[in-house]
Amino acid sequence: RELKPYLNTLSSKSDFNISAHPNAGLPNEFGEYDETPEDMVSQIKEFLDDGLINIIGGCCGTTPDHIKAIADLASNYPPRSKSKEVAV
């Protein structure tokens, strides 16, 4: 969720590929990540629906199940178009 404003800015100002690698939530008091693959892909779906990214992955707390869910979702979307005008 916290990445989306930054992705909006980057995608509107750049004609380069945009990559995002979100965590599986924030660490809990034990240093573990509680966000399920389903929770994570529901947020990533917004990035894809809005055409904000070309490359998607995962960082802290992501497991093979998270990555599979992300890959399954992303396979239904084309990469972000880089033909947007770039503000100078």
PDB file of N, CA and C in Angstrom:
ATOM      1  N   ARG A   1       0.814  -1.201   0.000  1.00  0.00           N
ATOM      2  CA  ARG A   1       0.000   0.000   0.000  1.00  0.00           C
ATOM      3  C   ARG A   1       0.856   1.263   0.000  1.00  0.00           C
ATOM      4  N   GLU A   2       1.908   1.227   0.792  1.00  0.00           N
ATOM      5  CA  GLU A   2       2.757   2.408   0.930  1.00  0.00           C
ATOM      6  C   GLU A   2       3.548   2.720  -0.346  1.00  0.00           C
ATOM      7  N   LEU A   3       3.731   1.737  -1.218  1.00  0.00           N
ATOM      8  CA  LEU A   3       4.480   1.954  -2.453  1.00  0.00           C
ATOM      9  C   LEU A   3       3.692   2.702  -3.519  1.00  0.00           C
ATOM     10  N   LYS A   4       2.382   2.591  -3.503  1.00  0.00           N
ATOM     11  CA  LYS A   4       1.571   3.073  -4.619  1.00  0.00           C
ATOM     12  C   LYS A   4       1.795   4.553  -4.952  1.00  0.00           C
ATOM     13  N   PRO A   5       1.846   5.468  -3.993  1.00  0.00           N
ATOM     14  CA  PRO A   5       2.078   6.871  -4.379  1.00  0.00           C
ATOM     15  C   PRO A   5       3.412   7.074  -5.113  1.00  0.00           C
ATOM     16  N   TYR A   6       4.424   6.336  -4.707  1.00  0.00           N
ATOM     17  CA  TYR A   6       5.731   6.442  -5.355  1.00  0.00           C
ATOM     18  C   TYR A   6       5.698   5.849  -6.758  1.00  0.00           C
ATOM     19  N   LEU A   7       4.985   4.739  -6.908  1.00  0.00           N
ATOM     20  CA  LEU A   7       4.850   4.130  -8.228  1.00  0.00           C
ATOM     21  C   LEU A   7       4.065   5.041  -9.161  1.00  0.00           C
ATOM     22  N   ASN A   8       3.037   5.707  -8.642  1.00  0.00           N
ATOM     23  CA  ASN A   8       2.286   6.678  -9.450  1.00  0.00           C
ATOM     24  C   ASN A   8       3.214   7.763  -9.976  1.00  0.00           C
ATOM     25  N   THR A   9       4.037   8.311  -9.111  1.00  0.00           N
ATOM     26  CA  THR A   9       4.959   9.375  -9.504  1.00  0.00           C
ATOM     27  C   THR A   9       5.967   8.870 -10.527  1.00  0.00           C
ATOM     28  N   LEU A  10       6.599   7.748 -10.230  1.00  0.00           N
ATOM     29  CA  LEU A  10       7.597   7.202 -11.158  1.00  0.00           C
ATOM     30  C   LEU A  10       7.001   6.907 -12.524  1.00  0.00           C
ATOM     31  N   SER A  11       5.855   6.240 -12.550  1.00  0.00           N
ATOM     32  CA  SER A  11       5.294   5.828 -13.841  1.00  0.00           C
ATOM     33  C   SER A  11       4.816   7.016 -14.660  1.00  0.00           C
ATOM     34  N   SER A  12       4.435   8.106 -13.995  1.00  0.00           N
ATOM     35  CA  SER A  12       3.972   9.281 -14.743  1.00  0.00           C
ATOM     36  C   SER A  12       5.131  10.130 -15.259  1.00  0.00           C
ATOM     37  N   LYS A  13       6.324   9.941 -14.718  1.00  0.00           N
ATOM     38  CA  LYS A  13       7.452  10.790 -15.086  1.00  0.00           C
ATOM     39  C   LYS A  13       8.573  10.057 -15.818  1.00  0.00           C
ATOM     40  N   SER A  14       8.452   8.756 -15.992  1.00  0.00           N
ATOM     41  CA  SER A  14       9.551   8.001 -16.573  1.00  0.00           C
ATOM     42  C   SER A  14       9.094   7.145 -17.748  1.00  0.00           C
ATOM     43  N   ASP A  15       9.949   7.062 -18.754  1.00  0.00           N
ATOM     44  CA  ASP A  15       9.669   6.123 -19.835  1.00  0.00           C
ATOM     45  C   ASP A  15      10.545   4.878 -19.709  1.00  0.00           C
ATOM     46  N   PHE A  16      11.178   4.724 -18.537  1.00  0.00           N
ATOM     47  CA  PHE A  16      11.954   3.520 -18.238  1.00  0.00           C
ATOM     48  C   PHE A  16      11.045   2.484 -17.587  1.00  0.00           C
ATOM     49  N   ASN A  17      11.496   1.226 -17.563  1.00  0.00           N
ATOM     50  CA  ASN A  17      10.757   0.184 -16.855  1.00  0.00           C
ATOM     51  C   ASN A  17      10.671   0.526 -15.371  1.00  0.00           C
ATOM     52  N   ILE A  18       9.522   0.251 -14.773  1.00  0.00           N
ATOM     53  CA  ILE A  18       9.303   0.478 -13.348  1.00  0.00           C
ATOM     54  C   ILE A  18       9.187  -0.880 -12.676  1.00  0.00           C
ATOM     55  N   SER A  19       9.962  -1.063 -11.615  1.00  0.00           N
ATOM     56  CA  SER A  19      10.016  -2.323 -10.887  1.00  0.00           C
ATOM     57  C   SER A  19       9.578  -2.100  -9.445  1.00  0.00           C
ATOM     58  N   ALA A  20       8.826  -3.043  -8.900  1.00  0.00           N
ATOM     59  CA  ALA A  20       8.417  -2.981  -7.490  1.00  0.00           C
ATOM     60  C   ALA A  20       8.612  -4.347  -6.846  1.00  0.00           C
ATOM     61  N   HIS A  21       9.092  -4.327  -5.609  1.00  0.00           N
ATOM     62  CA  HIS A  21       9.358  -5.554  -4.864  1.00  0.00           C
ATOM     63  C   HIS A  21       8.877  -5.364  -3.425  1.00  0.00           C
ATOM     64  N   PRO A  22       7.556  -5.398  -3.227  1.00  0.00           N
ATOM     65  CA  PRO A  22       7.009  -5.116  -1.890  1.00  0.00           C
ATOM     66  C   PRO A  22       7.274  -6.242  -0.895  1.00  0.00           C
ATOM     67  N   ASN A  23       7.281  -5.849   0.374  1.00  0.00           N
ATOM     68  CA  ASN A  23       7.337  -6.814   1.474  1.00  0.00           C
ATOM     69  C   ASN A  23       5.973  -7.475   1.633  1.00  0.00           C
ATOM     70  N   ALA A  24       5.958  -8.567   2.358  1.00  0.00           N
ATOM     71  CA  ALA A  24       4.695  -9.217   2.724  1.00  0.00           C
ATOM     72  C   ALA A  24       4.171  -8.550   3.999  1.00  0.00           C
ATOM     73  N   GLY A  25       3.907  -7.252   3.900  1.00  0.00           N
ATOM     74  CA  GLY A  25       3.454  -6.481   5.049  1.00  0.00           C
ATOM     75  C   GLY A  25       4.633  -5.954   5.840  1.00  0.00           C
ATOM     76  N   LEU A  26       4.342  -5.476   7.021  1.00  0.00           N
ATOM     77  CA  LEU A  26       5.380  -4.995   7.934  1.00  0.00           C
ATOM     78  C   LEU A  26       5.658  -6.071   8.968  1.00  0.00           C
ATOM     79  N   PRO A  27       6.862  -6.137   9.497  1.00  0.00           N
ATOM     80  CA  PRO A  27       7.153  -7.185  10.485  1.00  0.00           C
ATOM     81  C   PRO A  27       6.331  -6.988  11.763  1.00  0.00           C
ATOM     82  N   ASN A  28       5.898  -8.103  12.325  1.00  0.00           N
ATOM     83  CA  ASN A  28       5.180  -8.055  13.604  1.00  0.00           C
ATOM     84  C   ASN A  28       6.193  -7.989  14.742  1.00  0.00           C
ATOM     85  N   GLU A  29       5.728  -8.089  15.972  1.00  0.00           N
ATOM     86  CA  GLU A  29       6.623  -7.957  17.133  1.00  0.00           C
ATOM     87  C   GLU A  29       7.661  -9.074  17.229  1.00  0.00           C
ATOM     88  N   PHE A  30       7.476 -10.147  16.455  1.00  0.00           N
ATOM     89  CA  PHE A  30       8.437 -11.254  16.437  1.00  0.00           C
ATOM     90  C   PHE A  30       9.357 -11.192  15.212  1.00  0.00           C
ATOM     91  N   GLY A  31       9.202 -10.131  14.411  1.00  0.00           N
ATOM     92  CA  GLY A  31      10.007  -9.989  13.204  1.00  0.00           C
ATOM     93  C   GLY A  31       9.524 -10.832  12.042  1.00  0.00           C
ATOM     94  N   GLU A  32       8.308 -11.350  12.149  1.00  0.00           N
ATOM     95  CA  GLU A  32       7.728 -12.165  11.081  1.00  0.00           C
ATOM     96  C   GLU A  32       6.738 -11.329  10.271  1.00  0.00           C
ATOM     97  N   TYR A  33       6.452 -11.795   9.081  1.00  0.00           N
ATOM     98  CA  TYR A  33       5.548 -11.090   8.170  1.00  0.00           C
ATOM     99  C   TYR A  33       4.255 -11.888   8.060  1.00  0.00           C
ATOM    100  N   ASP A  34       3.140 -11.217   8.341  1.00  0.00           N
ATOM    101  CA  ASP A  34       1.855 -11.905   8.446  1.00  0.00           C
ATOM    102  C   ASP A  34       0.997 -11.840   7.186  1.00  0.00           C
ATOM    103  N   GLU A  35       1.377 -11.047   6.203  1.00  0.00           N
ATOM    104  CA  GLU A  35       0.541 -10.873   5.025  1.00  0.00           C
ATOM    105  C   GLU A  35       0.546 -12.149   4.181  1.00  0.00           C
ATOM    106  N   THR A  36      -0.644 -12.641   3.881  1.00  0.00           N
ATOM    107  CA  THR A  36      -0.774 -13.855   3.084  1.00  0.00           C
ATOM    108  C   THR A  36      -0.524 -13.551   1.606  1.00  0.00           C
ATOM    109  N   PRO A  37      -0.285 -14.582   0.810  1.00  0.00           N
ATOM    110  CA  PRO A  37      -0.166 -14.360  -0.631  1.00  0.00           C
ATOM    111  C   PRO A  37      -1.404 -13.679  -1.211  1.00  0.00           C
ATOM    112  N   GLU A  38      -2.578 -14.045  -0.717  1.00  0.00           N
ATOM    113  CA  GLU A  38      -3.828 -13.453  -1.219  1.00  0.00           C
ATOM    114  C   GLU A  38      -3.901 -11.964  -0.886  1.00  0.00           C
ATOM    115  N   ASP A  39      -3.489 -11.604   0.329  1.00  0.00           N
ATOM    116  CA  ASP A  39      -3.471 -10.191   0.718  1.00  0.00           C
ATOM    117  C   ASP A  39      -2.518  -9.411  -0.185  1.00  0.00           C
ATOM    118  N   MET A  40      -1.373  -9.996  -0.409  1.00  0.00           N
ATOM    119  CA  MET A  40      -0.345  -9.309  -1.189  1.00  0.00           C
ATOM    120  C   MET A  40      -0.788  -9.099  -2.636  1.00  0.00           C
ATOM    121  N   VAL A  41      -1.350 -10.126  -3.254  1.00  0.00           N
ATOM    122  CA  VAL A  41      -1.746  -9.973  -4.665  1.00  0.00           C
ATOM    123  C   VAL A  41      -2.936  -9.023  -4.818  1.00  0.00           C
ATOM    124  N   SER A  42      -3.779  -8.906  -3.801  1.00  0.00           N
ATOM    125  CA  SER A  42      -4.890  -7.957  -3.929  1.00  0.00           C
ATOM    126  C   SER A  42      -4.359  -6.527  -4.006  1.00  0.00           C
ATOM    127  N   GLN A  43      -3.265  -6.248  -3.322  1.00  0.00           N
ATOM    128  CA  GLN A  43      -2.658  -4.920  -3.403  1.00  0.00           C
ATOM    129  C   GLN A  43      -1.871  -4.746  -4.704  1.00  0.00           C
ATOM    130  N   ILE A  44      -1.147  -5.771  -5.104  1.00  0.00           N
ATOM    131  CA  ILE A  44      -0.380  -5.704  -6.350  1.00  0.00           C
ATOM    132  C   ILE A  44      -1.306  -5.571  -7.549  1.00  0.00           C
ATOM    133  N   LYS A  45      -2.486  -6.145  -7.457  1.00  0.00           N
ATOM    134  CA  LYS A  45      -3.471  -6.031  -8.536  1.00  0.00           C
ATOM    135  C   LYS A  45      -3.767  -4.566  -8.847  1.00  0.00           C
ATOM    136  N   GLU A  46      -3.793  -3.721  -7.830  1.00  0.00           N
ATOM    137  CA  GLU A  46      -4.009  -2.284  -8.049  1.00  0.00           C
ATOM    138  C   GLU A  46      -2.879  -1.689  -8.888  1.00  0.00           C
ATOM    139  N   PHE A  47      -1.634  -2.098  -8.623  1.00  0.00           N
ATOM    140  CA  PHE A  47      -0.504  -1.608  -9.408  1.00  0.00           C
ATOM    141  C   PHE A  47      -0.676  -1.997 -10.877  1.00  0.00           C
ATOM    142  N   LEU A  48      -1.095  -3.250 -11.089  1.00  0.00           N
ATOM    143  CA  LEU A  48      -1.262  -3.766 -12.443  1.00  0.00           C
ATOM    144  C   LEU A  48      -2.472  -3.146 -13.131  1.00  0.00           C
ATOM    145  N   ASP A  49      -3.577  -3.026 -12.411  1.00  0.00           N
ATOM    146  CA  ASP A  49      -4.785  -2.418 -12.982  1.00  0.00           C
ATOM    147  C   ASP A  49      -4.525  -0.989 -13.435  1.00  0.00           C
ATOM    148  N   ASP A  50      -3.694  -0.274 -12.690  1.00  0.00           N
ATOM    149  CA  ASP A  50      -3.393   1.118 -13.004  1.00  0.00           C
ATOM    150  C   ASP A  50      -2.221   1.270 -13.974  1.00  0.00           C
ATOM    151  N   GLY A  51      -1.640   0.152 -14.410  1.00  0.00           N
ATOM    152  CA  GLY A  51      -0.541   0.197 -15.372  1.00  0.00           C
ATOM    153  C   GLY A  51       0.699   0.891 -14.848  1.00  0.00           C
ATOM    154  N   LEU A  52       1.037   0.653 -13.577  1.00  0.00           N
ATOM    155  CA  LEU A  52       2.140   1.368 -12.933  1.00  0.00           C
ATOM    156  C   LEU A  52       3.490   0.671 -13.041  1.00  0.00           C
ATOM    157  N   ILE A  53       3.513  -0.631 -13.331  1.00  0.00           N
ATOM    158  CA  ILE A  53       4.767  -1.382 -13.247  1.00  0.00           C
ATOM    159  C   ILE A  53       5.015  -2.234 -14.487  1.00  0.00           C
ATOM    160  N   ASN A  54       6.296  -2.517 -14.698  1.00  0.00           N
ATOM    161  CA  ASN A  54       6.720  -3.457 -15.736  1.00  0.00           C
ATOM    162  C   ASN A  54       7.211  -4.757 -15.130  1.00  0.00           C
ATOM    163  N   ILE A  55       7.787  -4.647 -13.930  1.00  0.00           N
ATOM    164  CA  ILE A  55       8.419  -5.785 -13.268  1.00  0.00           C
ATOM    165  C   ILE A  55       7.896  -5.841 -11.844  1.00  0.00           C
ATOM    166  N   ILE A  56       7.534  -7.050 -11.384  1.00  0.00           N
ATOM    167  CA  ILE A  56       7.026  -7.192 -10.018  1.00  0.00           C
ATOM    168  C   ILE A  56       7.688  -8.398  -9.365  1.00  0.00           C
ATOM    169  N   GLY A  57       8.000  -8.252  -8.105  1.00  0.00           N
ATOM    170  CA  GLY A  57       8.610  -9.330  -7.344  1.00  0.00           C
ATOM    171  C   GLY A  57       8.214  -9.202  -5.890  1.00  0.00           C
ATOM    172  N   GLY A  58       9.022  -9.741  -5.013  1.00  0.00           N
ATOM    173  CA  GLY A  58       8.737  -9.657  -3.591  1.00  0.00           C
ATOM    174  C   GLY A  58      10.019  -9.497  -2.814  1.00  0.00           C
ATOM    175  N   CYS A  59       9.894  -8.945  -1.629  1.00  0.00           N
ATOM    176  CA  CYS A  59      11.052  -8.734  -0.770  1.00  0.00           C
ATOM    177  C   CYS A  59      10.785  -9.439   0.560  1.00  0.00           C
ATOM    178  N   CYS A  60      11.049  -8.765   1.652  1.00  0.00           N
ATOM    179  CA  CYS A  60      10.986  -9.359   2.983  1.00  0.00           C
ATOM    180  C   CYS A  60       9.644 -10.029   3.267  1.00  0.00           C
ATOM    181  N   GLY A  61       9.726 -11.239   3.759  1.00  0.00           N
ATOM    182  CA  GLY A  61       8.534 -11.979   4.145  1.00  0.00           C
ATOM    183  C   GLY A  61       7.857 -12.751   3.034  1.00  0.00           C
ATOM    184  N   THR A  62       8.281 -12.551   1.790  1.00  0.00           N
ATOM    185  CA  THR A  62       7.649 -13.301   0.709  1.00  0.00           C
ATOM    186  C   THR A  62       8.204 -14.720   0.685  1.00  0.00           C
ATOM    187  N   THR A  63       7.330 -15.632   0.374  1.00  0.00           N
ATOM    188  CA  THR A  63       7.658 -17.057   0.311  1.00  0.00           C
ATOM    189  C   THR A  63       7.441 -17.544  -1.116  1.00  0.00           C
ATOM    190  N   PRO A  64       7.805 -18.777  -1.422  1.00  0.00           N
ATOM    191  CA  PRO A  64       7.488 -19.304  -2.747  1.00  0.00           C
ATOM    192  C   PRO A  64       5.987 -19.211  -3.071  1.00  0.00           C
ATOM    193  N   ASP A  65       5.128 -19.361  -2.074  1.00  0.00           N
ATOM    194  CA  ASP A  65       3.687 -19.225  -2.318  1.00  0.00           C
ATOM    195  C   ASP A  65       3.306 -17.799  -2.710  1.00  0.00           C
ATOM    196  N   HIS A  66       3.945 -16.821  -2.086  1.00  0.00           N
ATOM    197  CA  HIS A  66       3.705 -15.425  -2.457  1.00  0.00           C
ATOM    198  C   HIS A  66       4.130 -15.189  -3.906  1.00  0.00           C
ATOM    199  N   ILE A  67       5.338 -15.639  -4.241  1.00  0.00           N
ATOM    200  CA  ILE A  67       5.867 -15.412  -5.585  1.00  0.00           C
ATOM    201  C   ILE A  67       5.012 -16.106  -6.633  1.00  0.00           C
ATOM    202  N   LYS A  68       4.536 -17.304  -6.349  1.00  0.00           N
ATOM    203  CA  LYS A  68       3.656 -17.997  -7.301  1.00  0.00           C
ATOM    204  C   LYS A  68       2.361 -17.222  -7.492  1.00  0.00           C
ATOM    205  N   ALA A  69       1.768 -16.732  -6.417  1.00  0.00           N
ATOM    206  CA  ALA A  69       0.522 -15.962  -6.512  1.00  0.00           C
ATOM    207  C   ALA A  69       0.750 -14.679  -7.317  1.00  0.00           C
ATOM    208  N   ILE A  70       1.887 -14.014  -7.088  1.00  0.00           N
ATOM    209  CA  ILE A  70       2.217 -12.805  -7.836  1.00  0.00           C
ATOM    210  C   ILE A  70       2.388 -13.131  -9.318  1.00  0.00           C
ATOM    211  N   ALA A  71       3.125 -14.191  -9.624  1.00  0.00           N
ATOM    212  CA  ALA A  71       3.364 -14.586 -11.018  1.00  0.00           C
ATOM    213  C   ALA A  71       2.063 -14.962 -11.708  1.00  0.00           C
ATOM    214  N   ASP A  72       1.202 -15.693 -11.016  1.00  0.00           N
ATOM    215  CA  ASP A  72      -0.085 -16.078 -11.605  1.00  0.00           C
ATOM    216  C   ASP A  72      -0.913 -14.846 -11.934  1.00  0.00           C
ATOM    217  N   LEU A  73      -0.944 -13.885 -11.028  1.00  0.00           N
ATOM    218  CA  LEU A  73      -1.692 -12.650 -11.267  1.00  0.00           C
ATOM    219  C   LEU A  73      -1.075 -11.852 -12.412  1.00  0.00           C
ATOM    220  N   ALA A  74       0.227 -11.637 -12.355  1.00  0.00           N
ATOM    221  CA  ALA A  74       0.896 -10.806 -13.355  1.00  0.00           C
ATOM    222  C   ALA A  74       0.801 -11.385 -14.760  1.00  0.00           C
ATOM    223  N   SER A  75       0.662 -12.695 -14.874  1.00  0.00           N
ATOM    224  CA  SER A  75       0.578 -13.318 -16.203  1.00  0.00           C
ATOM    225  C   SER A  75      -0.678 -12.889 -16.962  1.00  0.00           C
ATOM    226  N   ASN A  76      -1.632 -12.295 -16.264  1.00  0.00           N
ATOM    227  CA  ASN A  76      -2.874 -11.841 -16.891  1.00  0.00           C
ATOM    228  C   ASN A  76      -2.801 -10.393 -17.378  1.00  0.00           C
ATOM    229  N   TYR A  77      -1.656  -9.745 -17.222  1.00  0.00           N
ATOM    230  CA  TYR A  77      -1.524  -8.331 -17.550  1.00  0.00           C
ATOM    231  C   TYR A  77      -0.350  -8.098 -18.492  1.00  0.00           C
ATOM    232  N   PRO A  78      -0.515  -7.138 -19.402  1.00  0.00           N
ATOM    233  CA  PRO A  78       0.648  -6.737 -20.202  1.00  0.00           C
ATOM    234  C   PRO A  78       1.547  -5.833 -19.360  1.00  0.00           C
ATOM    235  N   PRO A  79       2.825  -5.725 -19.717  1.00  0.00           N
ATOM    236  CA  PRO A  79       3.684  -4.774 -19.009  1.00  0.00           C
ATOM    237  C   PRO A  79       3.178  -3.341 -19.199  1.00  0.00           C
ATOM    238  N   ARG A  80       3.556  -2.479 -18.304  1.00  0.00           N
ATOM    239  CA  ARG A  80       3.201  -1.069 -18.390  1.00  0.00           C
ATOM    240  C   ARG A  80       3.716  -0.487 -19.707  1.00  0.00           C
ATOM    241  N   SER A  81       2.886   0.319 -20.341  1.00  0.00           N
ATOM    242  CA  SER A  81       3.297   0.987 -21.560  1.00  0.00           C
ATOM    243  C   SER A  81       4.289   2.091 -21.215  1.00  0.00           C
ATOM    244  N   LYS A  82       5.396   2.127 -21.926  1.00  0.00           N
ATOM    245  CA  LYS A  82       6.400   3.147 -21.673  1.00  0.00           C
ATOM    246  C   LYS A  82       6.261   4.312 -22.637  1.00  0.00           C
ATOM    247  N   SER A  83       5.154   4.382 -23.330  1.00  0.00           N
ATOM    248  CA  SER A  83       4.988   5.426 -24.335  1.00  0.00           C
ATOM    249  C   SER A  83       4.387   6.706 -23.765  1.00  0.00           C
ATOM    250  N   LYS A  84       4.251   6.791 -22.440  1.00  0.00           N
ATOM    251  CA  LYS A  84       3.718   8.001 -21.827  1.00  0.00           C
ATOM    252  C   LYS A  84       4.692   9.159 -22.031  1.00  0.00           C
ATOM    253  N   GLU A  85       4.144  10.379 -22.148  1.00  0.00           N
ATOM    254  CA  GLU A  85       5.019  11.544 -22.241  1.00  0.00           C
ATOM    255  C   GLU A  85       5.739  11.749 -20.927  1.00  0.00           C
ATOM    256  N   VAL A  86       6.982  12.115 -21.017  1.00  0.00           N
ATOM    257  CA  VAL A  86       7.799  12.334 -19.835  1.00  0.00           C
ATOM    258  C   VAL A  86       7.869  13.833 -19.571  1.00  0.00           C
ATOM    259  N   ALA A  87       7.555  14.243 -18.336  1.00  0.00           N
ATOM    260  CA  ALA A  87       7.651  15.648 -17.964  1.00  0.00           C
ATOM    261  C   ALA A  87       9.123  16.045 -17.855  1.00  0.00           C
ATOM    262  N   VAL A  88       9.482  17.151 -18.430  1.00  0.00           N
ATOM    263  CA  VAL A  88      10.874  17.609 -18.404  1.00  0.00           C
ATOM    264  C   VAL A  88      11.022  18.787 -17.459  1.00  0.00           C
TER     265      VAL A  88
END
